[in-house]
C-alpha atoms as a PDB file:
ATOM      1  CA  MET A   1      -7.937  35.613  -0.728  1.00  0.00           C
ATOM      2  CA  SER A   2      -5.277  36.313  -3.381  1.00  0.00           C
ATOM      3  CA  ASN A   3      -2.551  33.463  -2.155  1.00  0.00           C
ATOM      4  CA  PRO A   4      -4.592  30.359  -0.890  1.00  0.00           C
ATOM      5  CA  THR A   5      -3.077  28.790   2.402  1.00  0.00           C
ATOM      6  CA  VAL A   6      -1.695  25.277   2.022  1.00  0.00           C
ATOM      7  CA  THR A   7      -2.388  22.911   4.595  1.00  0.00           C
ATOM      8  CA  THR A   8      -1.313  19.534   6.251  1.00  0.00           C
ATOM      9  CA  ILE A   9      -3.837  17.036   6.615  1.00  0.00           C
ATOM     10  CA  GLU A  10      -3.081  13.658   8.640  1.00  0.00           C
ATOM     11  CA  ILE A  11      -5.698  10.746   8.345  1.00  0.00           C
ATOM     12  CA  SER A  12      -4.414   8.031  10.769  1.00  0.00           C
ATOM     13  CA  LYS A  13      -7.496   5.960  11.769  1.00  0.00           C
ATOM     14  CA  GLU A  14      -7.456   3.045  13.587  1.00  0.00           C
ATOM     15  CA  TYR A  15      -9.838   1.197  11.096  1.00  0.00           C
ATOM     16  CA  LEU A  16      -7.065   1.798   8.254  1.00  0.00           C
ATOM     17  CA  HIS A  17      -5.178  -1.481   8.666  1.00  0.00           C
ATOM     18  CA  PHE A  18      -5.612  -5.056   7.477  1.00  0.00           C
ATOM     19  CA  ASN A  19      -4.481  -8.447   8.679  1.00  0.00           C
ATOM     20  CA  SER A  20      -2.193 -10.507   5.628  1.00  0.00           C
ATOM     21  CA  ALA A  21       0.059 -13.193   5.641  1.00  0.00           C
ATOM     22  CA  HIS A  22       3.329 -12.959   3.841  1.00  0.00           C
ATOM     23  CA  PHE A  23       7.018 -13.800   3.875  1.00  0.00           C
ATOM     24  CA  THR A  24       9.939 -11.542   2.784  1.00  0.00           C
ATOM     25  CA  ILE A  25      12.198 -13.047   0.410  1.00  0.00           C
ATOM     26  CA  PHE A  26      15.956 -11.983   1.114  1.00  0.00           C
ATOM     27  CA  SER A  27      17.543 -14.080  -1.977  1.00  0.00           C
ATOM     28  CA  GLU A  28      17.457 -16.462  -4.428  1.00  0.00           C
ATOM     29  CA  SER A  29      17.239 -18.977  -1.398  1.00  0.00           C
ATOM     30  CA  ALA A  30      16.432 -17.338   1.599  1.00  0.00           C
ATOM     31  CA  ARG A  31      13.329 -16.270   2.806  1.00  0.00           C
ATOM     32  CA  GLU A  32      11.288 -16.005   6.089  1.00  0.00           C
ATOM     33  CA  ASP A  33       8.608 -18.698   7.162  1.00  0.00           C
ATOM     34  CA  LEU A  34       5.003 -17.706   6.213  1.00  0.00           C
ATOM     35  CA  HIS A  35       3.825 -15.364   8.942  1.00  0.00           C
ATOM     36  CA  GLY A  36       1.242 -12.967   9.701  1.00  0.00           C
ATOM     37  CA  HIS A  37       0.777  -8.694  10.552  1.00  0.00           C
ATOM     38  CA  THR A  38      -1.533  -6.202  11.081  1.00  0.00           C
ATOM     39  CA  PHE A  39      -0.422  -3.521   8.816  1.00  0.00           C
ATOM     40  CA  TYR A  40      -1.632   0.413   9.565  1.00  0.00           C
ATOM     41  CA  VAL A  41      -2.121   2.798   6.760  1.00  0.00           C
ATOM     42  CA  THR A  42      -1.864   6.543   7.196  1.00  0.00           C
ATOM     43  CA  ALA A  43      -1.897   9.321   4.698  1.00  0.00           C
ATOM     44  CA  THR A  44      -0.706  12.964   4.861  1.00  0.00           C
ATOM     45  CA  VAL A  45      -1.999  15.261   2.413  1.00  0.00           C
ATOM     46  CA  ASP A  46      -0.775  18.479   1.244  1.00  0.00           C
ATOM     47  CA  SER A  47      -3.876  20.849  -0.024  1.00  0.00           C
ATOM     48  CA  ALA A  48      -4.740  24.393  -0.494  1.00  0.00           C
ATOM     49  CA  VAL A  49      -7.476  25.807   1.633  1.00  0.00           C
ATOM     50  CA  GLY A  50     -10.565  27.291  -0.013  1.00  0.00           C
ATOM     51  CA  THR A  51     -12.865  30.033   0.441  1.00  0.00           C
ATOM     52  CA  ASP A  52     -15.102  28.024   2.300  1.00  0.00           C
ATOM     53  CA  GLY A  53     -12.502  27.294   4.846  1.00  0.00           C
ATOM     54  CA  LEU A  54     -11.906  23.560   3.445  1.00  0.00           C
ATOM     55  CA  ALA A  55      -9.084  21.966   1.908  1.00  0.00           C
ATOM     56  CA  PHE A  56     -10.999  18.784   0.402  1.00  0.00           C
ATOM     57  CA  ASP A  57     -13.579  16.531   2.153  1.00  0.00           C
ATOM     58  CA  TYR A  58     -11.302  14.005   4.262  1.00  0.00           C
ATOM     59  CA  ASN A  59     -14.022  11.121   3.883  1.00  0.00           C
ATOM     60  CA  VAL A  60     -13.079  10.677   0.166  1.00  0.00           C
ATOM     61  CA  MET A  61      -9.439   9.878   1.080  1.00  0.00           C
ATOM     62  CA  LYS A  62     -10.576   7.735   4.350  1.00  0.00           C
ATOM     63  CA  THR A  63     -13.180   5.656   2.062  1.00  0.00           C
ATOM     64  CA  ARG A  64     -10.659   4.929  -0.678  1.00  0.00           C
ATOM     65  CA  LEU A  65      -7.833   4.178   1.845  1.00  0.00           C
ATOM     66  CA  ALA A  66     -10.394   1.792   3.827  1.00  0.00           C
ATOM     67  CA  ALA A  67     -11.527   0.168   0.911  1.00  0.00           C
ATOM     68  CA  LEU A  68      -7.753  -0.480  -0.295  1.00  0.00           C
ATOM     69  CA  CYS A  69      -7.108  -2.078   3.261  1.00  0.00           C
ATOM     70  CA  ASP A  70     -10.265  -4.402   2.545  1.00  0.00           C
ATOM     71  CA  HIS A  71      -9.096  -5.577  -0.360  1.00  0.00           C
ATOM     72  CA  LEU A  72      -5.661  -6.638   1.426  1.00  0.00           C
ATOM     73  CA  ASP A  73      -7.321  -8.206   4.643  1.00  0.00           C
ATOM     74  CA  GLU A  74      -7.179 -11.841   5.475  1.00  0.00           C
ATOM     75  CA  LYS A  75      -4.967 -12.549   2.249  1.00  0.00           C
ATOM     76  CA  VAL A  76      -1.834 -14.354   2.094  1.00  0.00           C
ATOM     77  CA  LEU A  77       0.072 -11.353   0.001  1.00  0.00           C
ATOM     78  CA  LEU A  78       2.490 -12.528  -2.564  1.00  0.00           C
ATOM     79  CA  PRO A  79       4.826 -10.593  -4.954  1.00  0.00           C
ATOM     80  CA  GLU A  80       3.983 -11.341  -8.928  1.00  0.00           C
ATOM     81  CA  HIS A  81       7.019  -9.426  -9.614  1.00  0.00           C
ATOM     82  CA  SER A  82       9.825 -11.429  -7.545  1.00  0.00           C
ATOM     83  CA  PRO A  83      12.988 -12.489  -9.329  1.00  0.00           C
ATOM     84  CA  PHE A  84      13.086 -15.562  -7.063  1.00  0.00           C
ATOM     85  CA  LEU A  85       9.536 -16.943  -6.846  1.00  0.00           C
ATOM     86  CA  GLN A  86       7.676 -18.397  -8.964  1.00  0.00           C
ATOM     87  CA  ILE A  87       3.759 -18.572  -9.366  1.00  0.00           C
ATOM     88  CA  THR A  88       1.459 -20.983 -11.130  1.00  0.00           C
ATOM     89  CA  GLU A  89      -1.879 -22.448 -10.991  1.00  0.00           C
ATOM     90  CA  GLY A  90      -2.655 -26.009 -10.905  1.00  0.00           C
ATOM     91  CA  ASP A  91      -5.008 -28.695  -9.394  1.00  0.00           C
ATOM     92  CA  GLY A  92      -6.961 -25.968  -7.689  1.00  0.00           C
ATOM     93  CA  TYR A  93      -4.269 -24.341  -5.925  1.00  0.00           C
ATOM     94  CA  VAL A  94      -2.185 -21.361  -6.270  1.00  0.00           C
ATOM     95  CA  ILE A  95       1.546 -22.502  -5.803  1.00  0.00           C
ATOM     96  CA  ALA A  96       4.363 -20.066  -5.103  1.00  0.00           C
ATOM     97  CA  CYS A  97       8.082 -21.955  -6.050  1.00  0.00           C
ATOM     98  CA  PHE A  98      10.954 -20.763  -4.137  1.00  0.00           C
ATOM     99  CA  ALA A  99      14.422 -22.171  -3.859  1.00  0.00           C
ATOM    100  CA  GLY A 100      12.698 -25.853  -4.747  1.00  0.00           C
ATOM    101  CA  GLU A 101      10.039 -25.682  -2.529  1.00  0.00           C
ATOM    102  CA  ARG A 102       6.412 -25.772  -3.522  1.00  0.00           C
ATOM    103  CA  ILE A 103       4.135 -23.777  -1.366  1.00  0.00           C
ATOM    104  CA  PRO A 104       0.188 -24.479  -2.278  1.00  0.00           C
ATOM    105  CA  PHE A 105      -2.417 -22.339  -1.203  1.00  0.00           C
ATOM    106  CA  LEU A 106      -5.891 -21.990  -2.042  1.00  0.00           C
ATOM    107  CA  PRO A 107      -6.772 -19.285  -4.849  1.00  0.00           C
ATOM    108  CA  ARG A 108      -9.384 -17.446  -2.587  1.00  0.00           C
ATOM    109  CA  ASP A 109      -6.726 -16.673   0.254  1.00  0.00           C
ATOM    110  CA  VAL A 110      -4.288 -15.499  -2.047  1.00  0.00           C
ATOM    111  CA  LEU A 111      -3.634 -11.990  -3.650  1.00  0.00           C
ATOM    112  CA  LEU A 112      -0.756 -11.275  -5.858  1.00  0.00           C
ATOM    113  CA  LEU A 113       0.385  -8.246  -5.825  1.00  0.00           C
ATOM    114  CA  PRO A 114       2.597  -6.249  -8.777  1.00  0.00           C
ATOM    115  CA  VAL A 115       5.469  -5.657  -6.194  1.00  0.00           C
ATOM    116  CA  ARG A 116       8.855  -7.602  -6.188  1.00  0.00           C
ATOM    117  CA  ASN A 117       8.661  -8.128  -2.383  1.00  0.00           C
ATOM    118  CA  VAL A 118       5.768  -8.107   0.131  1.00  0.00           C
ATOM    119  CA  THR A 119       7.505  -5.681   2.461  1.00  0.00           C
ATOM    120  CA  VAL A 120       6.291  -2.359   3.802  1.00  0.00           C
ATOM    121  CA  GLU A 121       8.764  -0.159   1.388  1.00  0.00           C
ATOM    122  CA  GLU A 122       6.609  -1.989  -1.906  1.00  0.00           C
ATOM    123  CA  LEU A 123       3.070  -1.717   0.113  1.00  0.00           C
ATOM    124  CA  ALA A 124       3.608   2.107   0.286  1.00  0.00           C
ATOM    125  CA  PRO A 125       4.034   2.699  -3.077  1.00  0.00           C
ATOM    126  CA  TRP A 126       1.372   0.208  -4.002  1.00  0.00           C
ATOM    127  CA  PHE A 127      -1.170   2.353  -1.881  1.00  0.00           C
ATOM    128  CA  LEU A 128       0.109   5.239  -3.518  1.00  0.00           C
ATOM    129  CA  SER A 129      -0.432   4.395  -7.151  1.00  0.00           C
ATOM    130  CA  ARG A 130      -3.863   2.966  -6.288  1.00  0.00           C
ATOM    131  CA  LEU A 131      -4.690   6.111  -5.053  1.00  0.00           C
ATOM    132  CA  ARG A 132      -3.279   8.321  -7.749  1.00  0.00           C
ATOM    133  CA  GLU A 133      -4.958   6.188 -10.344  1.00  0.00           C
ATOM    134  CA  ASP A 134      -8.531   6.752  -8.393  1.00  0.00           C
ATOM    135  CA  PRO A 135      -9.849   9.351 -10.628  1.00  0.00           C
ATOM    136  CA  VAL A 136     -12.060  10.689  -7.810  1.00  0.00           C
ATOM    137  CA  ILE A 137      -8.344  11.645  -5.679  1.00  0.00           C
ATOM    138  CA  ALA A 138      -7.000  12.433  -8.723  1.00  0.00           C
ATOM    139  CA  ALA A 139      -9.650  15.520  -9.241  1.00  0.00           C
ATOM    140  CA  LEU A 140      -8.781  16.384  -5.779  1.00  0.00           C
ATOM    141  CA  ASP A 141      -6.651  20.053  -5.366  1.00  0.00           C
ATOM    142  CA  ILE A 142      -3.851  18.026  -3.526  1.00  0.00           C
ATOM    143  CA  SER A 143      -0.008  18.818  -4.016  1.00  0.00           C
ATOM    144  CA  ARG A 144       1.703  15.906  -2.155  1.00  0.00           C
ATOM    145  CA  ILE A 145       0.431  12.988  -0.694  1.00  0.00           C
ATOM    146  CA  LEU A 146       2.642  10.825   1.753  1.00  0.00           C
ATOM    147  CA  ILE A 147       1.106   7.129   2.551  1.00  0.00           C
ATOM    148  CA  ARG A 148       3.024   5.445   5.194  1.00  0.00           C
ATOM    149  CA  VAL A 149       2.489   1.393   5.985  1.00  0.00           C
ATOM    150  CA  SER A 150       3.730   0.041   9.208  1.00  0.00           C
ATOM    151  CA  SER A 151       3.934  -3.734  10.013  1.00  0.00           C
ATOM    152  CA  GLY A 152       4.551  -3.131  13.687  1.00  0.00           C
ATOM    153  CA  PRO A 153       4.878  -0.330  16.085  1.00  0.00           C
ATOM    154  CA  GLY A 154       8.004   1.976  15.208  1.00  0.00           C
ATOM    155  CA  GLN A 155       8.475   0.172  11.706  1.00  0.00           C
ATOM    156  CA  TRP A 156       7.256   2.258   8.954  1.00  0.00           C
ATOM    157  CA  ALA A 157       7.828   3.121   5.241  1.00  0.00           C
ATOM    158  CA  GLY A 158       6.527   5.592   3.295  1.00  0.00           C
ATOM    159  CA  ALA A 159       6.228   6.945  -0.299  1.00  0.00           C
ATOM    160  CA  THR A 160       5.580  10.162  -1.513  1.00  0.00           C
ATOM    161  CA  TRP A 161       3.963  12.171  -4.539  1.00  0.00           C
ATOM    162  CA  SER A 162       3.914  15.630  -4.997  1.00  0.00           C
ATOM    163  CA  SER A 163       2.503  17.531  -7.744  1.00  0.00           C
ATOM    164  CA  ALA A 164       6.106  18.660  -8.600  1.00  0.00           C
ATOM    165  CA  ALA A 165       7.523  15.574  -8.834  1.00  0.00           C
ATOM    166  CA  LEU A 166       7.590  13.174 -11.857  1.00  0.00           C
ATOM    167  CA  THR A 167       7.659  10.095  -9.827  1.00  0.00           C
ATOM    168  CA  PRO A 168       6.878   8.867  -6.466  1.00  0.00           C
ATOM    169  CA  GLU A 169       9.451   9.076  -4.106  1.00  0.00           C
ATOM    170  CA  VAL A 170      10.315   6.731  -1.313  1.00  0.00           C
ATOM    171  CA  SER A 171      10.208   8.228   2.228  1.00  0.00           C
ATOM    172  CA  PRO A 172      11.569   7.340   5.458  1.00  0.00           C
END
């Protein structure tokens, strides 16, 4: 075969989810109350089909996505890069300071993420960047990855990487 076929693989498994607490920050003085979601994650991957009739071993992608979900599961997610939230540690607590409020958490319950806000539109690029940093994923013959994250039915955000693109793009 001189021109390989490119195929699109969708990975959408029931176990690709995590349960986490967060609050969305709207401004320097407005935020949601702390609450939780079951977040779901899917991946859509474009890849050439090899002479053996396979694009790549899907288990590699599923395993990496599941590990990332497990990392976030049962944690309070806090954004490290929010301009409105200061995070400190003291007296055995992680303390989120917002608009004059001190919100203490046990360190074992908190995960600081390198994002501006804990929203699906920030989580999708976070997942995508972690996958792109993974040497096993980077070695696959993949031309495009779309990661989608949902915080509830009908509420998704996506981030796309393409071998032709220089930076990830946010997708609807």
